[in-house]
N, C-alpha and C. Protein backbone atom coordinates (compact mmCIF):
# COMPACT_ATOMS: atom_id res chain seq x y z
N UNK A 1 -31.47 30.67 36.22
CA UNK A 1 -31.35 30.49 34.79
C UNK A 1 -29.92 30.74 34.32
N UNK A 2 -29.27 31.72 34.91
CA UNK A 2 -27.90 32.04 34.52
C UNK A 2 -26.97 30.89 34.86
N UNK A 3 -27.23 30.17 35.97
CA UNK A 3 -26.34 29.06 36.35
C UNK A 3 -26.44 27.92 35.33
N UNK A 4 -27.63 27.67 34.77
CA UNK A 4 -27.77 26.64 33.75
C UNK A 4 -27.00 27.03 32.49
N UNK A 5 -27.03 28.29 32.14
CA UNK A 5 -26.33 28.77 30.96
C UNK A 5 -24.81 28.60 31.16
N UNK A 6 -24.31 28.95 32.35
CA UNK A 6 -22.89 28.80 32.63
C UNK A 6 -22.49 27.32 32.62
N UNK A 7 -23.34 26.49 33.21
CA UNK A 7 -23.06 25.06 33.22
C UNK A 7 -22.98 24.51 31.80
N UNK A 8 -23.91 24.93 30.96
CA UNK A 8 -23.92 24.48 29.58
C UNK A 8 -22.68 24.91 28.82
N UNK A 9 -22.25 26.14 29.03
CA UNK A 9 -21.04 26.63 28.37
C UNK A 9 -19.80 25.90 28.85
N UNK A 10 -19.74 25.65 30.16
CA UNK A 10 -18.58 24.94 30.71
C UNK A 10 -18.56 23.50 30.19
N UNK A 11 -19.71 22.84 30.16
CA UNK A 11 -19.78 21.47 29.67
C UNK A 11 -19.39 21.40 28.19
N UNK A 12 -19.85 22.33 27.39
CA UNK A 12 -19.52 22.35 25.97
C UNK A 12 -18.02 22.59 25.77
N UNK A 13 -17.45 23.49 26.55
CA UNK A 13 -16.01 23.76 26.44
C UNK A 13 -15.21 22.53 26.84
N UNK A 14 -15.65 21.83 27.87
CA UNK A 14 -14.94 20.62 28.31
C UNK A 14 -14.98 19.55 27.23
N UNK A 15 -16.11 19.37 26.60
CA UNK A 15 -16.23 18.37 25.55
C UNK A 15 -15.36 18.72 24.34
N UNK A 16 -15.35 19.97 23.97
CA UNK A 16 -14.56 20.38 22.82
C UNK A 16 -13.07 20.23 23.07
N UNK A 17 -12.60 20.60 24.24
CA UNK A 17 -11.17 20.50 24.51
C UNK A 17 -10.74 19.05 24.71
N UNK A 18 -11.58 18.21 25.28
CA UNK A 18 -11.19 16.81 25.45
C UNK A 18 -11.12 16.11 24.10
N UNK A 19 -11.98 16.44 23.19
CA UNK A 19 -11.94 15.86 21.85
C UNK A 19 -10.70 16.30 21.09
N UNK A 20 -10.31 17.54 21.23
CA UNK A 20 -9.12 18.05 20.55
C UNK A 20 -7.87 17.39 21.09
N UNK A 21 -7.81 17.21 22.40
CA UNK A 21 -6.64 16.57 23.00
C UNK A 21 -6.54 15.11 22.57
N UNK A 22 -7.65 14.40 22.50
CA UNK A 22 -7.63 13.00 22.09
C UNK A 22 -7.20 12.89 20.64
N UNK A 23 -7.66 13.79 19.79
CA UNK A 23 -7.29 13.75 18.38
C UNK A 23 -5.81 14.06 18.21
N UNK A 24 -5.29 15.00 18.97
CA UNK A 24 -3.86 15.33 18.89
C UNK A 24 -3.02 14.14 19.33
N UNK A 25 -3.44 13.42 20.35
CA UNK A 25 -2.69 12.26 20.83
C UNK A 25 -2.70 11.14 19.80
N UNK A 26 -3.77 10.96 19.06
CA UNK A 26 -3.85 9.93 18.03
C UNK A 26 -2.93 10.22 16.86
N UNK A 27 -2.67 11.49 16.59
CA UNK A 27 -1.86 11.87 15.44
C UNK A 27 -0.37 11.92 15.76
N UNK A 28 0.02 11.61 17.00
CA UNK A 28 1.42 11.63 17.39
C UNK A 28 2.12 10.40 16.84
N UNK A 29 3.28 10.60 16.23
CA UNK A 29 4.04 9.51 15.64
C UNK A 29 5.35 9.37 16.41
N UNK A 30 5.69 8.14 16.78
CA UNK A 30 6.94 7.90 17.48
C UNK A 30 8.12 8.03 16.52
N UNK A 31 9.24 8.48 17.04
CA UNK A 31 10.44 8.62 16.22
C UNK A 31 10.99 7.24 15.88
N UNK A 32 11.56 7.12 14.71
CA UNK A 32 12.14 5.84 14.28
C UNK A 32 13.40 5.56 15.10
N UNK A 33 13.65 4.28 15.39
CA UNK A 33 14.88 3.95 16.13
C UNK A 33 16.10 4.20 15.26
N UNK A 34 17.22 4.45 15.91
CA UNK A 34 18.45 4.71 15.16
C UNK A 34 19.01 3.41 14.59
N UNK A 35 19.91 3.56 13.65
CA UNK A 35 20.54 2.39 13.03
C UNK A 35 21.30 1.59 14.08
N UNK A 36 21.97 2.27 14.98
CA UNK A 36 22.74 1.59 16.04
C UNK A 36 21.82 0.80 16.95
N UNK A 37 20.63 1.35 17.27
CA UNK A 37 19.68 0.65 18.14
C UNK A 37 19.16 -0.62 17.46
N UNK A 38 18.89 -0.52 16.16
CA UNK A 38 18.40 -1.69 15.42
C UNK A 38 19.49 -2.76 15.34
N UNK A 39 20.73 -2.34 15.08
CA UNK A 39 21.83 -3.30 15.01
C UNK A 39 22.05 -3.99 16.36
N UNK A 40 21.96 -3.25 17.45
CA UNK A 40 22.13 -3.84 18.78
C UNK A 40 21.02 -4.84 19.08
N UNK A 41 19.80 -4.50 18.69
CA UNK A 41 18.68 -5.41 18.89
C UNK A 41 18.83 -6.67 18.05
N UNK A 42 19.29 -6.51 16.82
CA UNK A 42 19.50 -7.67 15.96
C UNK A 42 20.58 -8.59 16.53
N UNK A 43 21.65 -7.99 17.03
CA UNK A 43 22.73 -8.79 17.62
C UNK A 43 22.23 -9.52 18.87
N UNK A 44 21.46 -8.85 19.70
CA UNK A 44 20.89 -9.48 20.90
C UNK A 44 19.96 -10.63 20.52
N UNK A 45 19.17 -10.44 19.49
CA UNK A 45 18.24 -11.48 19.04
C UNK A 45 19.01 -12.70 18.53
N UNK A 46 20.07 -12.46 17.79
CA UNK A 46 20.86 -13.57 17.27
C UNK A 46 21.53 -14.34 18.41
N UNK A 47 22.07 -13.61 19.38
CA UNK A 47 22.70 -14.27 20.53
C UNK A 47 21.67 -15.08 21.32
N UNK A 48 20.47 -14.56 21.48
CA UNK A 48 19.41 -15.28 22.20
C UNK A 48 19.00 -16.53 21.42
N UNK A 49 18.95 -16.43 20.10
CA UNK A 49 18.60 -17.58 19.27
C UNK A 49 19.67 -18.66 19.38
N UNK A 50 20.96 -18.25 19.31
CA UNK A 50 22.06 -19.21 19.40
C UNK A 50 22.07 -19.93 20.74
N UNK A 51 21.80 -19.19 21.82
CA UNK A 51 21.86 -19.79 23.16
C UNK A 51 20.51 -20.39 23.60
N UNK A 52 19.52 -20.36 22.69
CA UNK A 52 18.18 -20.89 22.96
C UNK A 52 17.56 -20.24 24.20
N UNK A 53 17.72 -18.92 24.30
CA UNK A 53 17.18 -18.13 25.41
C UNK A 53 15.74 -17.73 25.10
N UNK A 54 14.79 -18.52 25.56
CA UNK A 54 13.37 -18.27 25.26
C UNK A 54 12.86 -17.02 25.97
N UNK A 55 13.43 -16.66 27.11
CA UNK A 55 12.97 -15.48 27.86
C UNK A 55 13.16 -14.19 27.06
N UNK A 56 14.19 -14.15 26.23
CA UNK A 56 14.45 -12.96 25.43
C UNK A 56 13.26 -12.62 24.54
N UNK A 57 12.60 -13.64 24.02
CA UNK A 57 11.54 -13.44 23.05
C UNK A 57 10.21 -13.09 23.68
N UNK A 58 10.07 -13.16 25.00
CA UNK A 58 8.81 -12.84 25.67
C UNK A 58 8.32 -11.43 25.36
N UNK A 59 9.23 -10.49 25.18
CA UNK A 59 8.82 -9.10 24.90
C UNK A 59 8.52 -8.84 23.44
N UNK A 60 8.89 -9.78 22.56
CA UNK A 60 8.72 -9.57 21.13
C UNK A 60 7.58 -10.37 20.51
N UNK A 61 7.28 -11.53 21.06
CA UNK A 61 6.32 -12.43 20.43
C UNK A 61 5.03 -12.50 21.23
N UNK A 62 3.92 -12.65 20.54
CA UNK A 62 2.62 -12.79 21.19
C UNK A 62 2.54 -14.15 21.88
N UNK A 63 1.63 -14.26 22.84
CA UNK A 63 1.45 -15.52 23.56
C UNK A 63 1.05 -16.66 22.64
N UNK A 64 0.36 -16.36 21.56
CA UNK A 64 -0.10 -17.41 20.66
C UNK A 64 0.78 -17.52 19.39
N UNK A 65 2.01 -17.02 19.46
CA UNK A 65 2.94 -17.10 18.32
C UNK A 65 3.30 -18.55 18.03
N UNK A 66 3.33 -18.90 16.75
CA UNK A 66 3.75 -20.23 16.32
C UNK A 66 4.82 -20.04 15.25
N UNK A 67 5.91 -20.74 15.38
CA UNK A 67 6.97 -20.65 14.39
C UNK A 67 7.44 -22.05 14.01
N UNK A 68 8.11 -22.14 12.88
CA UNK A 68 8.63 -23.43 12.46
C UNK A 68 9.89 -23.20 11.64
N UNK A 69 10.66 -24.27 11.50
CA UNK A 69 11.88 -24.23 10.73
C UNK A 69 11.81 -25.32 9.68
N UNK A 70 12.05 -24.95 8.45
CA UNK A 70 12.09 -25.92 7.36
C UNK A 70 13.54 -26.33 7.16
N UNK A 71 13.80 -27.59 7.30
CA UNK A 71 15.17 -28.08 7.12
C UNK A 71 15.24 -28.85 5.81
N UNK A 72 16.06 -28.36 4.93
CA UNK A 72 16.24 -29.04 3.63
C UNK A 72 17.05 -30.32 3.84
N UNK A 73 16.70 -31.31 3.10
CA UNK A 73 17.54 -32.49 3.19
C UNK A 73 16.80 -33.70 3.20
């Protein structure tokens, strides 16, 4: 009977701690990128656009991304 009681206490403790750890992980917020990092990324994106480098955009756009350009005139 004592072994069932110990098992129950251990199982309850495991459930409680796993729930707390999961909740703490969900509340973690990533730090914002620096201004220099954003500027470097913007410059890289512009260079890729100018050179028509489609591989650059693989990490940024979803597989089903659709874009268009409206040309006045």
